Amino acid sequence: MYAYVARQPILNRKKQTIGYELLFRDGETNAFPDMEANQATCRLLVENFMSAGSNPALESPRSFINFPQESLISLVPTAFPKRKIVVEVLETCIPNDELFSAIKHLHRMGYIIALDDFSLDAEWDRFLPYSHIVKLDIMQLGIDVACDYVKKKKQQGCKRHYLAERVETYEEFEQAFQVGFHFYQGYFFSKPQIIKNRVVKPEEVLTMQLFQEVCREDVNFTRVEQLIAQDVSLSYQLLKFVNTASVRLEKPISSFKQALVYLGEEQIKMFVTLVATAHAAINKPKELYKQSLVKGRFCELMICRCQNGTPGQQAFIVGLFSLLDALLDRKLDDVLEQLSLTDEIEQAILLRVGLLGSMLELYESIKSGDWEQLDKTSRLLGFSPKTVEKTYQEAETWYQAILAK
């Protein structure tokens, strides 16, 4: 139902917070769970960058995120904005040629690279020119060893930034400060603080079907679009991901196809891989998911019968996302603000404005049994109430067919 993340501030020499390290948690216990590192990183990314609404864990100039070997080689960081994250190379990474190529590529793309828990081992030396920050664990190395290393590098004219990690006393901070450490992190300043945030859950079977689809040599993007449209959570996460991955959208989104085009093949694969690996979770009644899909399909079928040129995909999105407030326990206008939808779609969902808004009114009249309102709205649109009821049954049949796949 909730995602958990611990964040610990990182300070500069003026003791000003310049960012937070995000640490994955799977509950309110402030400790790393017994989980494989790559899955933990994927869950942290999905549950915080693709969660409901704005996440306080990310409301800082930079989020320092640990990336293990597999996610770095797969270039997972490239799915996220380089102005918002610092890529921490986890200390368990193996400094081989594959990792070296990945770090050089991320450096060329403009990502800030930090070597976490730097061991002073010579095999990491070739990574240093491509690293902006070196994090030294003063408890593990010893405060004197760490300070001697930084002092020596500063005397050599090194411009690299050094971060003192696990600073627990004023004396340690003062000693690190005197030799020229640029950044500081540790219990002396603040323990990691737990933050929880609502996440969304795609159906597991559907997610794996989507994962299999994007792993094919020739990806069928029509099929990808169809699969994503079958699940309100995947649809929501896709649009959140588009907004995360894109610095600025040229125009608001009006279809899932448009969102897929924005991303391109590699980013789509990245999105699906992250979601499939993370298995984000939320405990909500199945009926809400059913209503979202049936509502979307109903609006799509009805708008096509209007023959006014409005794309059915827009109507589908209107119906699909009209229950996001119930799914996410947030105000609907706050949720929609995160998705960069067209004004027409937003106004239809929020205010029942325009032809798209009338589609929602028809559906809601049927669900509430308000036959008088159904008759009034349907006749204004040029339909008989029987046509509207038949369309509703077709949408229900479509949903049952999805379940049977």
Protein backbone atom coordinates (compact mmCIF):
# COMPACT_ATOMS: atom_id res chain seq x y z
CA MET A 1 0.00 0.00 0.00
CA TYR A 2 2.90 2.35 0.74
CA ALA A 3 6.46 2.77 -0.42
CA TYR A 4 9.09 3.53 2.19
CA VAL A 5 12.34 5.37 1.72
CA ALA A 6 14.84 6.72 4.21
CA ARG A 7 16.60 9.94 3.29
CA GLN A 8 19.71 11.35 4.91
CA PRO A 9 20.88 14.91 4.24
CA ILE A 10 24.22 15.70 2.62
CA LEU A 11 25.71 19.04 3.67
CA ASN A 12 28.35 21.38 2.31
CA ARG A 13 31.05 23.20 4.25
CA LYS A 14 28.52 25.83 5.35
CA LYS A 15 26.33 23.02 6.78
CA GLN A 16 23.73 23.72 4.11
CA THR A 17 21.79 20.73 2.74
CA ILE A 18 22.65 20.23 -0.92
CA GLY A 19 20.79 16.94 -1.38
CA TYR A 20 19.67 13.71 0.23
CA GLU A 21 20.81 10.13 -0.12
CA LEU A 22 17.77 7.92 -0.68
CA LEU A 23 17.95 4.56 1.07
CA PHE A 24 15.47 1.81 0.22
CA ARG A 25 13.22 0.47 2.99
CA ASP A 26 10.27 -1.94 2.76
CA GLY A 27 8.62 -0.87 6.02
CA GLU A 28 8.84 1.61 8.85
CA THR A 29 11.88 -0.14 10.33
CA ASN A 30 14.87 2.04 9.50
CA ALA A 31 17.07 -0.73 8.13
CA PHE A 32 17.86 -2.15 4.71
CA PRO A 33 15.70 -5.25 4.09
CA ASP A 34 16.93 -8.70 3.10
CA MET A 35 16.64 -8.08 -0.63
CA GLU A 36 18.80 -8.31 -3.74
CA ALA A 37 20.42 -4.92 -4.42
CA ASN A 38 19.20 -4.48 -8.01
CA GLN A 39 15.58 -5.17 -7.07
CA ALA A 40 15.87 -2.74 -4.17
CA THR A 41 17.15 0.00 -6.49
CA CYS A 42 14.39 -0.65 -9.04
CA ARG A 43 11.75 -0.52 -6.33
CA LEU A 44 13.20 2.70 -4.93
CA LEU A 45 13.10 4.31 -8.38
CA VAL A 46 9.63 3.09 -9.30
CA GLU A 47 8.08 3.78 -5.91
CA ASN A 48 9.52 7.27 -5.60
CA PHE A 49 9.77 8.64 -9.14
CA MET A 50 6.55 6.98 -10.36
CA SER A 51 4.50 7.14 -7.17
CA ALA A 52 1.32 9.08 -6.49
CA GLY A 53 1.71 12.83 -6.57
CA SER A 54 4.84 14.68 -5.52
CA ASN A 55 7.16 12.78 -3.22
CA PRO A 56 8.81 14.64 -0.32
CA ALA A 57 11.77 12.28 -0.61
CA LEU A 58 12.60 13.94 -3.93
CA GLU A 59 12.00 17.54 -2.95
CA SER A 60 15.64 18.55 -2.86
CA PRO A 61 18.22 19.81 -5.36
CA ARG A 62 19.66 16.30 -5.76
CA SER A 63 18.79 12.74 -4.82
CA PHE A 64 21.86 10.56 -4.23
CA ILE A 65 20.88 7.03 -5.31
CA ASN A 66 22.86 3.79 -4.96
CA PHE A 67 23.10 1.86 -8.23
CA PRO A 68 24.44 -1.72 -8.18
CA GLN A 69 26.44 -3.31 -11.00
CA GLU A 70 23.55 -4.62 -13.12
CA SER A 71 21.57 -1.38 -13.16
CA LEU A 72 24.66 0.66 -14.08
CA ILE A 73 25.63 -1.63 -16.96
CA SER A 74 22.02 -1.49 -18.16
CA LEU A 75 22.22 2.33 -17.95
CA VAL A 76 19.14 2.54 -15.73
CA PRO A 77 20.14 6.04 -14.48
CA THR A 78 19.55 7.43 -17.99
CA ALA A 79 15.81 6.97 -17.47
CA PHE A 80 15.88 9.70 -14.83
CA PRO A 81 16.69 13.42 -15.04
CA LYS A 82 20.41 14.15 -14.70
CA ARG A 83 19.63 17.45 -12.95
CA LYS A 84 17.84 15.63 -10.12
CA ILE A 85 20.02 12.62 -9.29
CA VAL A 86 23.57 11.76 -8.32
CA VAL A 87 24.58 8.29 -9.51
CA GLU A 88 26.29 6.51 -6.63
CA VAL A 89 28.41 3.56 -7.74
CA LEU A 90 27.72 1.01 -5.03
CA GLU A 91 30.76 -0.29 -3.18
CA THR A 92 29.87 -3.88 -4.13
CA CYS A 93 30.38 -3.12 -7.84
CA ILE A 94 33.21 -4.89 -9.65
CA PRO A 95 35.55 -2.41 -11.39
CA ASN A 96 35.67 -4.33 -14.68
CA ASP A 97 35.68 -3.06 -18.29
CA GLU A 98 31.90 -3.34 -18.63
CA LEU A 99 31.31 -1.09 -15.63
CA PHE A 100 34.04 1.30 -16.79
CA SER A 101 32.31 1.74 -20.17
CA ALA A 102 28.98 2.40 -18.46
CA ILE A 103 30.47 5.06 -16.15
CA LYS A 104 32.21 6.81 -19.05
CA HIS A 105 28.92 6.84 -20.97
CA LEU A 106 27.00 8.32 -18.01
CA HIS A 107 29.75 10.91 -17.53
CA ARG A 108 29.53 11.95 -21.20
CA MET A 109 25.76 12.32 -20.84
CA GLY A 110 26.27 14.79 -18.01
CA TYR A 111 25.33 12.69 -14.97
CA ILE A 112 27.10 13.41 -11.69
CA ILE A 113 28.97 10.26 -10.60
CA ALA A 114 29.86 9.47 -7.00
CA LEU A 115 32.05 6.54 -5.93
CA ASP A 116 30.41 5.21 -2.76
CA ASP A 117 32.50 3.91 0.16
CA PHE A 118 35.69 4.40 -1.85
CA SER A 119 38.25 1.80 -0.81
CA LEU A 120 41.46 3.58 -1.98
CA ASP A 121 42.15 0.44 -4.05
CA ALA A 122 44.27 1.13 -7.17
CA GLU A 123 41.89 -0.85 -9.40
CA TRP A 124 39.40 2.04 -9.07
CA ASP A 125 41.94 4.68 -10.16
CA ARG A 126 40.83 4.68 -13.81
CA PHE A 127 37.29 5.55 -12.68
CA LEU A 128 38.40 8.71 -10.88
CA PRO A 129 38.60 11.02 -13.95
CA TYR A 130 34.93 10.23 -14.64
CA SER A 131 33.79 10.69 -11.04
CA HIS A 132 32.76 14.02 -9.56
CA ILE A 133 32.46 12.95 -5.91
CA VAL A 134 34.40 10.41 -3.88
CA LYS A 135 32.65 9.24 -0.71
CA LEU A 136 34.97 8.10 2.07
CA ASP A 137 33.54 6.13 4.98
CA ILE A 138 35.58 7.63 7.81
CA MET A 139 34.44 4.92 10.22
CA GLN A 140 35.51 2.07 7.97
CA LEU A 141 38.76 3.63 6.73
CA GLY A 142 39.54 5.45 9.95
CA ILE A 143 39.31 9.22 10.22
CA ASP A 144 43.09 9.71 10.04
CA VAL A 145 43.53 7.55 6.93
CA ALA A 146 40.64 9.29 5.17
CA CYS A 147 41.92 12.76 6.07
CA ASP A 148 45.48 11.95 5.00
CA TYR A 149 44.18 10.75 1.62
CA VAL A 150 42.17 13.92 0.99
CA LYS A 151 44.99 16.17 2.20
CA LYS A 152 47.43 14.47 -0.16
CA LYS A 153 45.03 14.77 -3.12
CA LYS A 154 44.37 18.44 -2.38
CA GLN A 155 48.12 19.14 -2.27
CA GLN A 156 48.40 17.52 -5.71
CA GLY A 157 45.87 20.05 -7.01
CA CYS A 158 43.00 17.56 -7.38
CA LYS A 159 39.70 19.32 -8.16
CA ARG A 160 37.54 16.32 -7.28
CA HIS A 161 35.02 16.71 -4.45
CA TYR A 162 35.32 14.52 -1.37
CA LEU A 163 32.45 13.54 0.90
CA ALA A 164 33.00 12.40 4.50
CA GLU A 165 30.50 9.64 5.22
CA ARG A 166 29.39 8.44 8.67
CA VAL A 167 30.45 11.56 10.53
CA GLU A 168 29.22 10.99 14.09
CA THR A 169 30.94 13.60 16.27
CA TYR A 170 31.84 17.28 16.15
CA GLU A 171 35.51 16.35 16.41
CA GLU A 172 35.27 14.18 13.28
CA PHE A 173 33.49 16.94 11.39
CA GLU A 174 36.13 19.49 12.44
CA GLN A 175 39.01 17.22 11.43
CA ALA A 176 37.42 16.49 8.04
CA PHE A 177 36.66 20.17 7.55
CA GLN A 178 40.27 21.22 8.22
CA VAL A 179 41.73 18.94 5.52
CA GLY A 180 39.25 20.12 2.88
CA PHE A 181 36.35 17.67 2.60
CA HIS A 182 33.63 19.37 0.54
CA PHE A 183 30.56 17.44 1.73
CA TYR A 184 29.46 15.66 4.93
CA GLN A 185 26.94 12.99 5.86
CA GLY A 186 26.27 11.14 9.09
CA TYR A 187 24.48 10.84 12.42
CA PHE A 188 26.21 14.00 13.71
CA PHE A 189 23.93 15.97 11.38
CA SER A 190 20.89 13.69 11.06
CA LYS A 191 19.85 10.07 11.14
CA PRO A 192 18.03 8.79 8.02
CA GLN A 193 14.36 9.80 8.17
CA ILE A 194 11.65 7.42 6.99
CA ILE A 195 9.15 8.78 4.46
CA LYS A 196 6.22 6.77 3.16
CA ASN A 197 4.35 7.42 -0.04
CA ARG A 198 1.43 5.87 -1.89
CA VAL A 199 2.36 3.67 -4.85
CA VAL A 200 0.40 2.01 -7.62
CA LYS A 201 0.28 -1.67 -8.50
CA PRO A 202 0.11 -3.04 -12.01
CA GLU A 203 -1.37 -6.52 -12.34
CA GLU A 204 1.56 -8.93 -12.11
CA VAL A 205 0.52 -11.19 -15.02
CA LEU A 206 -0.02 -8.21 -17.29
CA THR A 207 3.30 -6.70 -16.29
CA MET A 208 5.11 -9.91 -17.17
CA GLN A 209 3.30 -10.08 -20.53
CA LEU A 210 4.49 -6.54 -21.19
CA PHE A 211 8.01 -7.47 -20.11
CA GLN A 212 8.04 -10.43 -22.53
CA GLU A 213 6.75 -8.19 -25.32
CA VAL A 214 9.53 -5.59 -25.01
CA CYS A 215 12.18 -8.33 -24.79
CA ARG A 216 11.38 -9.51 -28.32
CA GLU A 217 13.88 -8.69 -31.05
CA ASP A 218 11.17 -6.87 -33.03
CA VAL A 219 8.97 -5.06 -30.52
CA ASN A 220 5.31 -4.76 -31.52
CA PHE A 221 4.50 -1.31 -30.13
CA THR A 222 0.83 -1.62 -31.00
CA ARG A 223 0.71 -4.64 -28.71
CA VAL A 224 2.68 -2.73 -26.04
CA GLU A 225 0.16 0.11 -26.22
CA GLN A 226 -2.75 -2.35 -25.94
CA LEU A 227 -1.25 -4.03 -22.87
CA ILE A 228 -0.55 -0.74 -21.08
CA ALA A 229 -4.10 0.45 -21.77
CA GLN A 230 -5.48 -2.63 -20.00
CA ASP A 231 -4.20 -1.53 -16.61
CA VAL A 232 -4.86 1.82 -14.95
CA SER A 233 -1.72 1.53 -12.81
CA LEU A 234 0.58 0.88 -15.77
CA SER A 235 -1.09 3.73 -17.64
CA TYR A 236 -0.56 6.12 -14.74
CA GLN A 237 3.05 5.01 -14.23
CA LEU A 238 3.79 5.37 -17.94
CA LEU A 239 2.72 9.02 -17.95
CA LYS A 240 4.61 9.71 -14.72
CA PHE A 241 7.67 8.12 -16.31
CA VAL A 242 7.31 10.27 -19.44
CA ASN A 243 7.22 13.38 -17.26
CA THR A 244 10.24 12.18 -15.29
CA ALA A 245 12.30 11.24 -18.34
CA SER A 246 11.45 14.34 -20.40
CA VAL A 247 12.92 17.70 -19.49
CA ARG A 248 10.05 19.49 -21.20
CA LEU A 249 7.20 18.03 -23.22
CA GLU A 250 6.64 19.85 -26.50
CA LYS A 251 2.88 19.43 -26.18
CA PRO A 252 0.49 17.88 -23.66
CA ILE A 253 -0.23 14.16 -23.91
CA SER A 254 -3.48 13.00 -25.50
CA SER A 255 -2.79 9.28 -26.06
CA PHE A 256 -0.62 6.41 -24.83
CA LYS A 257 0.80 6.10 -28.34
CA GLN A 258 2.05 9.67 -28.05
CA ALA A 259 3.67 8.84 -24.71
CA LEU A 260 5.42 5.82 -26.24
CA VAL A 261 6.67 7.94 -29.14
CA TYR A 262 8.12 10.47 -26.69
CA LEU A 263 10.05 7.72 -24.93
CA GLY A 264 11.37 5.71 -27.84
CA GLU A 265 12.21 2.01 -27.84
CA GLU A 266 15.05 2.00 -25.32
CA GLN A 267 13.22 4.11 -22.73
CA ILE A 268 10.08 1.98 -23.10
CA LYS A 269 12.14 -1.11 -22.39
CA MET A 270 13.66 0.68 -19.41
CA PHE A 271 10.22 1.59 -18.07
CA VAL A 272 8.85 -1.94 -18.39
CA THR A 273 11.98 -3.51 -16.92
CA LEU A 274 11.85 -1.19 -13.90
CA VAL A 275 8.18 -1.87 -13.22
CA ALA A 276 8.51 -5.61 -13.74
CA THR A 277 11.53 -5.78 -11.43
CA ALA A 278 10.08 -3.57 -8.75
CA HIS A 279 6.57 -5.08 -8.51
CA ALA A 280 5.22 -1.88 -6.95
CA ALA A 281 2.30 -2.69 -4.63
CA ILE A 282 -0.92 -1.13 -3.48
CA ASN A 283 -3.80 -2.77 -1.65
CA LYS A 284 -6.97 -1.56 -3.35
CA PRO A 285 -10.24 -3.35 -4.20
CA LYS A 286 -10.28 -5.08 -7.59
CA GLU A 287 -13.61 -3.36 -8.28
CA LEU A 288 -11.85 0.01 -8.59
CA TYR A 289 -9.55 -1.34 -11.28
CA LYS A 290 -12.50 -2.94 -13.06
CA GLN A 291 -14.52 0.28 -12.98
CA SER A 292 -11.58 2.27 -14.36
CA LEU A 293 -11.17 -0.04 -17.34
CA VAL A 294 -14.88 -0.45 -18.08
CA LYS A 295 -15.35 3.30 -17.79
CA GLY A 296 -12.47 3.92 -20.19
CA ARG A 297 -13.78 1.43 -22.73
CA PHE A 298 -17.32 2.80 -22.46
CA CYS A 299 -16.16 6.37 -23.12
CA GLU A 300 -14.06 5.16 -26.06
CA LEU A 301 -16.96 3.27 -27.68
CA MET A 302 -19.37 6.15 -27.13
CA ILE A 303 -17.09 8.81 -28.59
CA CYS A 304 -16.57 6.67 -31.69
CA ARG A 305 -20.35 6.52 -32.13
CA CYS A 306 -20.49 10.31 -32.01
CA GLN A 307 -18.47 10.44 -35.26
CA ASN A 308 -17.15 13.92 -34.46
CA GLY A 309 -13.47 13.17 -35.05
CA THR A 310 -12.40 13.01 -31.40
CA PRO A 311 -9.86 10.15 -31.06
CA GLY A 312 -11.14 7.23 -29.03
CA GLN A 313 -7.85 7.11 -27.09
CA GLN A 314 -8.61 10.49 -25.51
CA ALA A 315 -12.00 9.26 -24.32
CA PHE A 316 -10.40 6.06 -23.02
CA ILE A 317 -7.91 8.06 -20.93
CA VAL A 318 -10.73 10.25 -19.58
CA GLY A 319 -12.62 7.20 -18.32
CA LEU A 320 -9.53 5.32 -17.17
CA PHE A 321 -8.12 8.16 -15.06
CA SER A 322 -11.38 9.51 -13.64
CA LEU A 323 -11.03 7.23 -10.58
CA LEU A 324 -7.38 7.96 -9.82
CA ASP A 325 -8.36 9.90 -6.71
CA ALA A 326 -9.98 6.77 -5.22
CA LEU A 327 -7.06 4.57 -6.28
CA LEU A 328 -4.40 6.89 -4.89
CA ASP A 329 -6.21 8.59 -2.00
CA ARG A 330 -5.28 12.01 -3.33
CA LYS A 331 -7.12 14.98 -4.77
CA LEU A 332 -7.81 14.36 -8.44
CA ASP A 333 -6.53 17.76 -9.58
CA ASP A 334 -3.22 17.15 -7.74
CA VAL A 335 -2.81 13.76 -9.43
CA LEU A 336 -3.63 15.04 -12.92
CA GLU A 337 -1.16 17.89 -12.52
CA GLN A 338 1.60 15.25 -12.52
CA LEU A 339 0.63 13.81 -15.92
CA SER A 340 0.81 16.70 -18.46
CA LEU A 341 -2.49 15.76 -20.11
CA THR A 342 -4.28 18.06 -22.56
CA ASP A 343 -6.61 20.71 -21.11
CA GLU A 344 -9.54 19.02 -22.85
CA ILE A 345 -8.90 15.74 -21.04
CA GLU A 346 -8.25 17.40 -17.68
CA GLN A 347 -11.40 19.54 -17.86
CA ALA A 348 -13.50 16.55 -18.85
CA ILE A 349 -12.29 14.56 -15.84
CA LEU A 350 -12.45 17.37 -13.30
CA LEU A 351 -15.49 19.35 -14.45
CA ARG A 352 -17.33 17.02 -16.87
CA VAL A 353 -16.83 19.72 -19.52
CA GLY A 354 -17.32 19.18 -23.26
CA LEU A 355 -18.14 16.06 -25.19
CA LEU A 356 -15.59 13.98 -23.28
CA GLY A 357 -17.12 15.11 -20.01
CA SER A 358 -20.57 14.08 -21.27
CA MET A 359 -19.24 10.54 -21.81
CA LEU A 360 -18.45 10.37 -18.09
CA GLU A 361 -21.89 11.73 -17.22
CA LEU A 362 -23.52 8.98 -19.26
CA TYR A 363 -21.52 6.27 -17.53
CA GLU A 364 -22.20 7.68 -14.08
CA SER A 365 -25.93 7.91 -14.80
CA ILE A 366 -25.99 4.20 -15.60
CA LYS A 367 -23.96 3.24 -12.52
CA SER A 368 -26.15 5.33 -10.21
CA GLY A 369 -29.41 4.28 -11.84
CA ASP A 370 -30.32 7.89 -12.62
CA TRP A 371 -32.47 7.06 -15.65
CA GLU A 372 -33.91 10.55 -15.93
CA GLN A 373 -30.44 12.09 -16.27
CA LEU A 374 -29.39 9.29 -18.62
CA ASP A 375 -32.35 10.00 -20.90
CA LYS A 376 -31.66 13.75 -20.84
CA THR A 377 -27.91 13.51 -21.59
CA SER A 378 -28.19 10.77 -24.19
CA ARG A 379 -30.89 12.60 -26.16
CA LEU A 380 -28.86 15.83 -26.11
CA LEU A 381 -26.06 13.86 -27.75
CA GLY A 382 -28.38 12.27 -30.27
CA PHE A 383 -28.49 8.76 -28.77
CA SER A 384 -31.26 6.66 -27.35
CA PRO A 385 -30.83 5.44 -23.76
CA LYS A 386 -30.89 1.88 -25.14
CA THR A 387 -27.82 2.62 -27.25
CA VAL A 388 -25.98 3.90 -24.16
CA GLU A 389 -26.98 0.84 -22.12
CA LYS A 390 -25.90 -1.46 -24.95
CA THR A 391 -22.53 0.31 -25.08
CA TYR A 392 -22.12 -0.20 -21.35
CA GLN A 393 -22.75 -3.95 -21.80
CA GLU A 394 -20.17 -4.04 -24.60
CA ALA A 395 -17.62 -2.41 -22.27
CA GLU A 396 -18.39 -5.00 -19.58
CA THR A 397 -17.97 -7.81 -22.13
CA TRP A 398 -14.64 -6.33 -23.24
CA TYR A 399 -13.42 -6.35 -19.63
CA GLN A 400 -14.43 -10.01 -19.17
CA ALA A 401 -12.53 -10.86 -22.36
CA ILE A 402 -9.41 -9.23 -20.91
CA LEU A 403 -9.71 -11.39 -17.80
CA ALA A 404 -9.98 -14.50 -19.94
CA LYS A 405 -6.71 -13.80 -21.81
